[in-house]
Amino acid sequence: MAVLDKLQNSISFLYKLFDIEEKNEISIIEEAEDKIQLPDEYLERFTLYAIQNKDFLKNRDEELRSLELAFDNWKIVNSPLLVVNDPGEGGTSLLHASTYIYPTAKILETNQAIDSYKKLISILSHVLRIDEEFKTLKELEKYINNSEESHVLILENIERLFIRRIRGFDLLEDFLLFLHATKSKIYWIISINKYSFYYLNRVKYFSSHFPSIIHLKPISNKQLKEEILNRNNGYDLVFLKPNKITNKVEKQLKKVSKEERQSILEKIFFKRLYQFSKGNITKAILYARNSAYNVKGKTVFVKPIEIMVLDDLSLNDLFILEAIFQHRSLSIKELNIVLRNSDRQSRLSIEKLLEKQLIRPTTTIKGKVEYRINLMFLDILKDLLKERLNRNFR
């Protein structure tokens, strides 16, 4: 009997832990008890991709109107446009979806470093569909200005045109001269991440080149919730109790019905999602995906994740992370150039940051491995750069 009593007590404890009434099947508890590999069918719902059509773009009506106005202004004063956004805020989706304003727009995605004049000229010639070969930007500039044709060119991630070293800004500065020289023939729409914008403003007065600047605003909490619920459409959500809650909430959960308890836990989950994502749509999606504790049939058990506290980063770690912030992504070779490290030293530092999951590897079209900030730690790392390196960016 003692053994049976202990077994019953254990089962009751699990019911309480996972917020399921005792009349439900024990198998549900067993399935939810340990976090396991989630089904691919479910994970696919949280795939990150850029929106291509404005009909699917939500909560960006104000920015789209600003893009329309900026294009009208270019027709009069030939002003290039700069769009400033954080990774994950939806800048790429906004720019791709905005092509209804200018259907002939060409998009140049600089997902890898453009580290030479030859590469820049080749990429520009290709995207503008110019067959002739040019040795200098001046030659390309002359060809464009003598042409009858006008263009709309969206260039993403202009921070890929510089590298932080002596004379590492020459290519970016010469491109800006090229931009001004061709702005009557090309409507330039340029995007840059917030930290690169902050850095280049401090060292090169970067914003002075752009009379028109659009800063992306955070997505509303209402829209974030709708996005997460849409991605869970067809599944029943069961909200589990977080690992850390106040005594007041703990007592409240014990006194209410199951329906009321689920309502409270749902509010806790989305409140934490809002606090973490701060209006960044990608961060909200990542938070929701990582909070999916288990899936049984068409039921998803959701438990708010606890974000790791970063209290053991050295100054060297922070300098590496800042360099990646400034350039959006860096390879080992580029990191050696920026920080004047040996190859061995950079590799050891990168491995350490990979173990902490603070950065993630990406592979370019040509197979080069670069490293980017893990968006799950984006704001935490920004706060550390402010506190420990006195970087006063917004």
Protein backbone atom coordinates (compact mmCIF):
# COMPACT_ATOMS: atom_id res chain seq x y z
CA MET A 1 0.00 0.00 0.00
CA ALA A 2 2.83 2.38 0.86
CA VAL A 3 4.27 1.87 -2.63
CA LEU A 4 0.88 2.57 -4.22
CA ASP A 5 0.46 5.71 -2.12
CA LYS A 6 3.86 6.95 -3.20
CA LEU A 7 3.00 6.23 -6.84
CA GLN A 8 -0.29 8.11 -6.56
CA ASN A 9 1.43 11.05 -4.90
CA SER A 10 4.00 11.13 -7.70
CA ILE A 11 1.27 11.13 -10.34
CA SER A 12 -0.62 13.90 -8.53
CA PHE A 13 2.59 15.92 -8.39
CA LEU A 14 3.02 15.58 -12.15
CA TYR A 15 -0.58 16.65 -12.78
CA LYS A 16 0.03 19.74 -10.69
CA LEU A 17 3.40 20.43 -12.31
CA PHE A 18 2.05 20.32 -15.86
CA ASP A 19 -1.26 21.97 -15.05
CA ILE A 20 -3.45 19.02 -16.13
CA GLU A 21 -6.44 17.73 -14.26
CA GLU A 22 -6.15 14.23 -12.78
CA LYS A 23 -8.99 12.89 -14.91
CA ASN A 24 -6.80 13.29 -18.03
CA GLU A 25 -4.72 10.43 -19.33
CA ILE A 26 -1.43 9.63 -17.60
CA SER A 27 0.15 9.20 -21.03
CA ILE A 28 -0.24 12.93 -21.69
CA ILE A 29 1.78 13.65 -18.56
CA GLU A 30 4.46 11.19 -19.54
CA GLU A 31 4.72 12.73 -23.00
CA ALA A 32 5.00 16.26 -21.60
CA GLU A 33 7.31 15.47 -18.71
CA ASP A 34 10.63 15.71 -20.56
CA LYS A 35 11.33 18.15 -23.35
CA ILE A 36 12.04 16.14 -26.50
CA GLN A 37 12.86 16.79 -30.12
CA LEU A 38 9.82 18.50 -31.59
CA PRO A 39 8.26 17.14 -34.82
CA ASP A 40 9.60 18.68 -38.04
CA GLU A 41 6.01 19.31 -39.12
CA TYR A 42 5.59 21.64 -36.15
CA LEU A 43 9.04 23.28 -36.35
CA GLU A 44 8.47 24.15 -40.01
CA ARG A 45 5.76 26.55 -38.87
CA PHE A 46 8.49 28.71 -37.31
CA THR A 47 10.68 28.93 -40.39
CA LEU A 48 12.04 32.45 -40.83
CA TYR A 49 11.62 33.92 -44.28
CA ALA A 50 11.28 37.33 -45.89
CA ILE A 51 7.84 38.44 -47.06
CA GLN A 52 7.81 39.14 -50.82
CA ASN A 53 4.32 40.59 -51.25
CA LYS A 54 2.81 43.61 -49.51
CA ASP A 55 -0.50 41.74 -49.13
CA PHE A 56 1.21 39.49 -46.57
CA LEU A 57 3.13 42.28 -44.83
CA LYS A 58 1.45 43.33 -41.60
CA ASN A 59 1.80 46.32 -39.31
CA ARG A 60 4.06 48.25 -41.71
CA ASP A 61 1.53 50.57 -43.37
CA GLU A 62 3.24 53.69 -42.01
CA GLU A 63 6.64 52.59 -43.32
CA LEU A 64 5.17 51.74 -46.73
CA ARG A 65 3.63 55.22 -46.94
CA SER A 66 7.04 56.67 -46.03
CA LEU A 67 8.64 54.65 -48.82
CA GLU A 68 6.05 55.94 -51.30
CA LEU A 69 6.68 59.53 -50.20
CA ALA A 70 10.46 59.09 -50.40
CA PHE A 71 10.14 57.83 -53.99
CA ASP A 72 8.00 60.83 -54.92
CA ASN A 73 10.65 63.10 -53.37
CA TRP A 74 13.42 61.43 -55.39
CA LYS A 75 11.57 62.29 -58.59
CA ILE A 76 11.92 65.96 -57.58
CA VAL A 77 15.23 66.26 -55.67
CA ASN A 78 17.00 62.92 -56.36
CA SER A 79 17.52 62.07 -52.69
CA PRO A 80 18.70 58.54 -51.82
CA LEU A 81 16.90 56.75 -48.99
CA LEU A 82 18.35 54.97 -45.96
CA VAL A 83 16.39 52.35 -43.99
CA VAL A 84 17.74 51.64 -40.49
CA ASN A 85 16.72 48.43 -38.75
CA ASP A 86 17.92 45.73 -36.37
CA PRO A 87 18.39 42.16 -37.59
CA GLY A 88 15.06 40.39 -37.29
CA GLU A 89 12.88 43.51 -37.35
CA GLY A 90 11.58 42.80 -40.85
CA GLY A 91 13.63 45.27 -42.88
CA THR A 92 14.19 42.78 -45.70
CA SER A 93 10.49 41.91 -45.81
CA LEU A 94 9.57 45.60 -45.94
CA LEU A 95 11.95 46.36 -48.80
CA HIS A 96 10.99 43.29 -50.82
CA ALA A 97 7.27 43.92 -50.31
CA SER A 98 7.68 47.60 -51.27
CA THR A 99 8.55 46.79 -54.87
CA TYR A 100 4.90 47.38 -55.84
CA ILE A 101 5.87 51.07 -55.60
CA TYR A 102 8.59 50.57 -58.22
CA PRO A 103 7.92 47.26 -60.08
CA THR A 104 11.23 47.41 -61.98
CA ALA A 105 13.32 47.67 -58.80
CA LYS A 106 16.41 45.49 -58.59
CA ILE A 107 17.48 44.07 -55.25
CA LEU A 108 21.11 43.63 -54.30
CA GLU A 109 21.44 41.53 -51.14
CA THR A 110 24.94 41.87 -49.73
CA ASN A 111 24.91 38.76 -47.55
CA GLN A 112 28.67 38.50 -47.87
CA ALA A 113 31.44 41.04 -47.56
CA ILE A 114 32.20 43.17 -50.60
CA ASP A 115 35.89 43.69 -50.00
CA SER A 116 37.25 44.97 -53.30
CA TYR A 117 36.46 47.50 -56.02
CA LYS A 118 36.47 44.71 -58.57
CA LYS A 119 33.81 42.76 -56.68
CA LEU A 120 31.66 45.86 -56.14
CA ILE A 121 31.83 46.87 -59.82
CA SER A 122 31.04 43.31 -60.91
CA ILE A 123 28.02 43.05 -58.61
CA LEU A 124 26.63 46.46 -59.62
CA SER A 125 27.12 45.72 -63.32
CA HIS A 126 25.41 42.38 -62.96
CA VAL A 127 22.38 43.65 -61.04
CA LEU A 128 22.00 46.59 -63.47
CA ARG A 129 22.35 44.14 -66.39
CA ILE A 130 25.25 45.99 -67.96
CA ASP A 131 27.39 43.72 -70.16
CA GLU A 132 30.41 45.99 -70.55
CA GLU A 133 33.44 45.63 -68.28
CA PHE A 134 34.71 48.53 -66.18
CA LYS A 135 37.94 48.93 -64.26
CA THR A 136 36.82 51.78 -62.00
CA LEU A 137 33.67 53.13 -60.41
CA LYS A 138 34.24 56.32 -62.38
CA GLU A 139 33.91 54.40 -65.64
CA LEU A 140 30.71 52.73 -64.46
CA GLU A 141 29.39 56.08 -63.23
CA LYS A 142 30.01 57.68 -66.64
CA TYR A 143 28.23 54.82 -68.44
CA ILE A 144 25.16 55.07 -66.17
CA ASN A 145 24.87 58.84 -66.45
CA ASN A 146 25.15 58.72 -70.26
CA SER A 147 22.47 56.03 -70.48
CA GLU A 148 18.85 56.82 -71.26
CA GLU A 149 17.66 54.27 -68.73
CA SER A 150 16.78 54.99 -65.07
CA HIS A 151 16.85 52.41 -62.29
CA VAL A 152 15.59 51.72 -58.80
CA LEU A 153 18.20 49.80 -56.84
CA ILE A 154 17.71 48.37 -53.34
CA LEU A 155 21.05 47.63 -51.70
CA GLU A 156 20.75 45.75 -48.41
CA ASN A 157 23.32 45.77 -45.61
CA ILE A 158 25.64 48.53 -46.78
CA GLU A 159 27.79 47.76 -43.72
CA ARG A 160 29.25 44.88 -45.77
CA LEU A 161 31.22 47.48 -47.79
CA PHE A 162 33.68 48.38 -45.04
CA ILE A 163 36.02 46.61 -42.69
CA ARG A 164 37.30 48.24 -39.52
CA ARG A 165 40.99 48.72 -40.25
CA ILE A 166 43.32 51.36 -41.71
CA ARG A 167 41.91 52.39 -45.11
CA GLY A 168 39.11 49.91 -44.56
CA PHE A 169 36.54 52.65 -45.22
CA ASP A 170 37.86 53.63 -48.67
CA LEU A 171 35.50 51.37 -50.61
CA LEU A 172 32.43 52.53 -48.65
CA GLU A 173 33.36 56.21 -49.06
CA ASP A 174 33.99 55.83 -52.79
CA PHE A 175 30.68 54.01 -53.15
CA LEU A 176 28.93 56.94 -51.43
CA LEU A 177 30.57 59.31 -53.95
CA PHE A 178 29.36 56.99 -56.71
CA LEU A 179 25.86 57.01 -55.18
CA HIS A 180 25.71 60.82 -55.19
CA ALA A 181 27.08 61.00 -58.73
CA THR A 182 24.43 58.61 -60.10
CA LYS A 183 21.42 59.57 -57.98
CA SER A 184 19.68 61.33 -60.89
CA LYS A 185 19.70 58.04 -62.80
CA ILE A 186 19.37 55.59 -59.92
CA TYR A 187 16.96 55.80 -57.03
CA TRP A 188 19.09 54.31 -54.28
CA ILE A 189 17.39 52.58 -51.34
CA ILE A 190 20.00 51.48 -48.82
CA SER A 191 19.55 49.46 -45.64
CA ILE A 192 21.87 49.28 -42.63
CA ASN A 193 21.66 47.69 -39.20
CA LYS A 194 21.29 49.96 -36.18
CA TYR A 195 24.66 49.28 -34.60
CA SER A 196 26.55 49.85 -37.86
CA PHE A 197 24.58 53.08 -38.32
CA TYR A 198 25.57 54.19 -34.81
CA TYR A 199 29.22 53.32 -35.41
CA LEU A 200 29.54 54.87 -38.88
CA ASN A 201 27.85 58.06 -37.68
CA ARG A 202 30.49 58.41 -35.00
CA VAL A 203 33.46 57.86 -37.29
CA LYS A 204 32.25 59.03 -40.71
CA TYR A 205 29.12 61.20 -40.27
CA PHE A 206 27.34 58.57 -42.33
CA SER A 207 23.78 59.92 -41.96
CA SER A 208 24.75 63.22 -43.63
CA HIS A 209 24.64 61.41 -46.98
CA PHE A 210 20.94 60.63 -46.64
CA PRO A 211 18.36 63.45 -46.39
CA SER A 212 15.67 60.73 -46.17
CA ILE A 213 15.98 58.15 -43.38
CA ILE A 214 13.37 55.64 -42.20
CA HIS A 215 13.80 53.98 -38.81
CA LEU A 216 11.70 50.83 -38.46
CA LYS A 217 9.35 50.90 -35.50
CA PRO A 218 8.66 47.93 -33.20
CA ILE A 219 5.79 45.62 -34.11
CA SER A 220 2.80 46.01 -31.76
CA ASN A 221 2.22 43.40 -29.04
CA LYS A 222 -1.17 42.66 -30.57
CA GLN A 223 0.44 41.82 -33.91
CA LEU A 224 3.14 39.70 -32.26
CA LYS A 225 0.51 37.63 -30.47
CA GLU A 226 -1.49 37.21 -33.66
CA GLU A 227 1.65 36.03 -35.49
CA ILE A 228 2.43 33.40 -32.85
CA LEU A 229 -1.16 32.15 -32.67
CA ASN A 230 -1.32 31.92 -36.46
CA ARG A 231 1.77 29.73 -36.50
CA ASN A 232 0.08 27.45 -33.97
CA ASN A 233 -3.17 27.32 -35.90
CA GLY A 234 -4.67 23.83 -35.73
CA TYR A 235 -2.96 23.00 -32.43
CA ASP A 236 -4.35 23.26 -28.91
CA LEU A 237 -1.99 25.24 -26.70
CA VAL A 238 -1.47 24.13 -23.10
CA PHE A 239 0.51 26.71 -21.12
CA LEU A 240 2.78 25.25 -18.45
CA LYS A 241 3.90 27.01 -15.31
CA PRO A 242 7.24 28.84 -15.69
CA ASN A 243 10.19 27.74 -13.57
CA LYS A 244 10.22 31.11 -11.83
CA ILE A 245 7.06 32.87 -10.68
CA THR A 246 6.20 35.03 -7.69
CA ASN A 247 4.63 33.60 -4.55
CA LYS A 248 1.57 35.72 -5.25
CA VAL A 249 1.01 34.12 -8.65
CA GLU A 250 1.76 30.67 -7.21
CA LYS A 251 -1.00 31.10 -4.63
CA GLN A 252 -3.36 32.49 -7.25
CA LEU A 253 -2.88 29.46 -9.52
CA LYS A 254 -3.83 27.12 -6.67
CA LYS A 255 -7.16 28.85 -6.04
CA VAL A 256 -8.62 29.11 -9.54
CA SER A 257 -10.21 26.67 -11.99
CA LYS A 258 -8.27 25.00 -14.78
CA GLU A 259 -9.67 27.43 -17.38
CA GLU A 260 -8.72 30.43 -15.27
CA ARG A 261 -5.31 28.93 -14.59
CA GLN A 262 -4.68 28.54 -18.32
CA SER A 263 -5.75 32.13 -18.90
CA ILE A 264 -3.27 33.36 -16.27
CA LEU A 265 -0.45 31.24 -17.65
CA GLU A 266 -1.17 32.41 -21.20
CA LYS A 267 -0.93 36.04 -20.07
CA ILE A 268 2.37 35.30 -18.32
CA PHE A 269 3.75 33.65 -21.46
CA PHE A 270 2.89 36.50 -23.80
CA LYS A 271 4.00 39.15 -21.32
CA ARG A 272 7.43 37.51 -21.21
CA LEU A 273 7.47 37.16 -25.00
CA TYR A 274 6.73 40.89 -25.37
CA GLN A 275 9.43 41.83 -22.86
CA PHE A 276 11.97 39.66 -24.63
CA SER A 277 11.19 40.55 -28.24
CA LYS A 278 10.63 44.32 -27.78
CA GLY A 279 8.67 44.44 -31.02
CA ASN A 280 11.21 42.40 -33.01
CA ILE A 281 9.13 39.89 -34.99
CA THR A 282 11.95 37.37 -35.48
CA LYS A 283 12.86 37.38 -31.80
CA ALA A 284 9.21 36.76 -30.92
CA ILE A 285 9.07 33.78 -33.29
CA LEU A 286 12.31 32.35 -31.89
CA TYR A 287 11.05 32.78 -28.33
CA ALA A 288 7.80 30.97 -29.11
CA ARG A 289 9.58 28.14 -30.93
CA ASN A 290 12.05 27.62 -28.10
CA SER A 291 9.21 27.72 -25.56
CA ALA A 292 7.40 24.83 -27.24
CA TYR A 293 8.06 22.21 -24.57
CA ASN A 294 6.50 19.18 -26.19
CA VAL A 295 3.96 18.16 -28.83
CA LYS A 296 1.50 15.30 -28.46
CA GLY A 297 -0.78 14.84 -31.43
CA LYS A 298 -2.38 18.23 -31.94
CA THR A 299 -1.56 19.53 -28.46
CA VAL A 300 1.45 21.78 -27.85
CA PHE A 301 2.77 22.22 -24.32
CA VAL A 302 4.26 25.71 -23.99
CA LYS A 303 6.62 26.69 -21.19
CA PRO A 304 8.31 30.13 -21.14
CA ILE A 305 12.06 29.78 -21.56
CA GLU A 306 14.49 31.31 -19.11
CA ILE A 307 17.02 33.57 -20.82
CA MET A 308 20.59 32.90 -19.80
CA VAL A 309 22.36 35.54 -17.70
CA LEU A 310 25.66 36.63 -19.24
CA ASP A 311 28.00 37.52 -16.41
CA ASP A 312 31.23 35.84 -17.47
CA LEU A 313 32.13 37.59 -20.71
CA SER A 314 35.63 39.03 -20.92
CA LEU A 315 36.49 42.32 -22.60
CA ASN A 316 37.98 40.30 -25.46
CA ASP A 317 34.63 38.53 -25.90
CA LEU A 318 32.83 41.86 -26.01
CA PHE A 319 35.26 43.33 -28.54
CA ILE A 320 34.66 40.33 -30.82
CA LEU A 321 30.89 40.60 -30.45
CA GLU A 322 31.02 44.33 -31.12
CA ALA A 323 33.05 43.75 -34.28
CA ILE A 324 30.42 41.28 -35.50
CA PHE A 325 27.69 43.81 -34.64
CA GLN A 326 29.45 46.51 -36.66
CA HIS A 327 29.86 44.39 -39.78
CA ARG A 328 26.67 42.28 -39.40
CA SER A 329 28.77 39.14 -39.85
CA LEU A 330 32.47 38.28 -40.03
CA SER A 331 34.61 35.37 -41.09
CA ILE A 332 37.65 34.23 -39.10
CA LYS A 333 39.91 35.95 -41.62
CA GLU A 334 38.00 39.22 -41.36
CA LEU A 335 38.00 39.01 -37.57
CA ASN A 336 41.80 38.67 -37.65
CA ILE A 337 42.00 41.85 -39.72
CA VAL A 338 39.66 43.88 -37.50
CA LEU A 339 41.14 42.87 -34.14
CA ARG A 340 44.68 42.09 -35.35
CA ASN A 341 44.42 38.63 -33.84
CA SER A 342 46.27 35.53 -34.88
CA ASP A 343 44.21 32.90 -36.67
CA ARG A 344 44.57 30.57 -33.67
CA GLN A 345 43.45 33.26 -31.22
CA SER A 346 40.36 34.13 -33.27
CA ARG A 347 39.37 30.49 -33.70
CA LEU A 348 39.62 29.82 -29.97
CA SER A 349 37.52 32.92 -29.20
CA ILE A 350 34.90 31.98 -31.80
CA GLU A 351 34.66 28.43 -30.44
CA LYS A 352 34.08 29.82 -26.95
CA LEU A 353 31.27 32.09 -28.17
CA LEU A 354 29.73 29.26 -30.18
CA GLU A 355 29.64 27.08 -27.07
CA LYS A 356 27.77 29.85 -25.27
CA GLN A 357 25.45 30.08 -28.31
CA LEU A 358 26.04 33.84 -28.50
CA ILE A 359 26.87 33.63 -32.19
CA ARG A 360 25.81 31.33 -35.00
CA PRO A 361 27.62 30.27 -38.18
CA THR A 362 26.25 31.07 -41.63
CA THR A 363 27.56 29.90 -44.98
CA THR A 364 27.68 32.21 -47.99
CA ILE A 365 26.85 31.15 -51.54
CA LYS A 366 30.54 30.54 -52.17
CA GLY A 367 30.87 28.37 -49.08
CA LYS A 368 32.64 30.85 -46.81
CA VAL A 369 31.70 30.54 -43.15
CA GLU A 370 30.80 33.75 -41.32
CA TYR A 371 29.50 34.36 -37.82
CA ARG A 372 26.49 36.42 -36.73
CA ILE A 373 24.97 37.40 -33.42
CA ASN A 374 22.37 34.95 -32.13
CA LEU A 375 19.20 37.04 -32.06
CA MET A 376 18.16 35.37 -28.80
CA PHE A 377 20.90 37.45 -27.13
CA LEU A 378 20.66 40.60 -29.25
CA ASP A 379 19.37 43.03 -26.62
CA ILE A 380 21.31 41.43 -23.77
CA LEU A 381 24.56 41.95 -25.67
CA LYS A 382 23.61 45.51 -26.61
CA ASP A 383 23.06 46.28 -22.94
CA LEU A 384 26.47 44.81 -22.09
CA LEU A 385 28.14 46.95 -24.76
CA LYS A 386 26.46 50.01 -23.29
CA GLU A 387 27.41 49.19 -19.71
CA ARG A 388 30.94 47.89 -20.15
CA LEU A 389 32.15 49.62 -23.31
CA ASN A 390 30.13 52.83 -22.96
CA ARG A 391 28.49 52.54 -26.37
CA ASN A 392 25.62 55.02 -26.17
CA PHE A 393 23.55 53.89 -29.12
CA ARG A 394 19.76 53.65 -29.27
